[in-house]
Amino acid sequence: MKFGPINAKIVLTPRVGQVYCCDYTNRDTSSVTTDIHSRRTIAFVNIAHALDHFVLLIFPTVVIAIAAERQVSYGELIGLATGAFVAFGLFSLPVGWIADRVGRRNMLAIFFFGCGVSCLGLSFVTSSPALALWLFVLGVFSAIYHPVGSAMLVSHTSRLGRDLGINGVWGNMGASFASGVTAFLAASFGWRAGFIVPGAVCIAIGVAFVSMVPAGLPRESTANRKAAVAAIRPSRPVLLALIFALAIVAGGMTFNITTIALPKVIDERLGLALPLVIIGSLATVVFMFGAMTQLIMGRLVDKYPLPAVFVGLSLLQPAGLCLAAFTTGVPMLVGLVTTMAAIYGQVVINDAMVARYVPEEFRAKAFGIRYFLGFTASGLAVPMIAFLHASNGFPLVLGIAGIFGLAVFGSAVAFMVLSRIGNSPAPAPAE
């Protein structure tokens, strides 16, 4: 009879009154510690994702209150956020490189504290140049999350699609509640409160993260290493990378144009004179549909080929944007809901692509490049919104976004066709 391995060791130690006794010690203690560390890390990564999108979308809602207070145009004020969104993409490129040297955990701690201080700085500004400067600083610290947080999540997860979907929901919830919470704080306590409260929350969570996720613990469990073995090796990696880059840039444009303009689109095109709190609440509801899509995408990623899922999802972007551009009232809201679902679903797809096609040791850099392309190019969305809105209002803004959506769909179709030619799993590393 053959017995399996027993996860205990027997140590014979002398005791008073008897010769020997058996002392059983669990051999899996380190594995349990690692798994607890991984779950705790993923929890803070999810919270960081929510805060990242929350703090960046405070100003697009607060700007409505500031414009009314200072009697200046929306286009003039929203342009001050250009530096924030350019920095959000530009600084994501070196972040992956820096994280490999100072540690991803340390970089995430800097993210929490940096965003908190930036929000508090924004709450005290008294001039437009100071507002633009602090928004730029906020963009620099916000740039840390995606290259670092995404790489940390992929390294600690045992079910890629599920955890990417859940992480995406957290990010979407941050974007969703940014409009509603900021509108409530601005209407109740003044627009400066819209920055003070999130700033304090960021710092408090940073303190909790540093104390609960110490540096130097194992990064991933055995199960996670096995899950990461089955990487895909495409036969035409350069061409696929270029097509994927086009999808990222075009998707970044639709993402930023829609999320930044959403509160003002609802304000102008719903056809009702609504207070700021209701406008923010409706924007939150629209964002919530994106969260549900990300959960669905997480499930689909674990079951079906990524390129096919990407094609089906990407078709919704131009359809929703065109509907929103040429209608008002409830049909316009339906178009925005469709668009938001497609945009946030693509975030899960893009991250899954990097996780599936890039080896673990290069992922932080790959995520840095991915977000550099998406967010740096989409930083142009802010001045584009201001210019197009001044020219012909939001029908033109949303119509141009729809053209970028068509580019995403075309890239997804090309990627699916080319990815079917000669792809194979990468060889598993020796253990």
Foldseek 3Di string as FASTA:
>chain_A
DDDDDDQWDWDWDQDPPDGTDTDTDGNCPLQVVQLVLLVVLLVLLLLLLLLLLLLLQLCLLLLVVVCVVVVHDSLVQLLLLLLLLLLLQQLLQCLLVVCVPPNLLVLSLQLLLQLLVLLLQCLPDDDSVSNSVSSNSNSNSSSNNFLSSLLLNLQADLQQLQSLLSSLLSNLLSLLVSLQVQLVCCVPPNNSSSSNVSSVVSNVSSVVSCVPNPPDRDRYHPSSLVSLQFAKAAPPVVVLVVLLLLLLALLLQLVLLLSSCQLVLCCPFQPDNDGSNVSSNLSSVLSNLLSVLSNVLSVVVSPDDLLVVQLVLLVQQLVLLLQLLPHGHPSVSVSSSSNSNSSSSVVSSSSVNLSRHPHSVCRSNVSSVSSSSSRNSNSVSSSVQSVQCVVPRCSSSSNVSSVSSVSSNVSSVVSVVSRVPDMDTDHGDDD
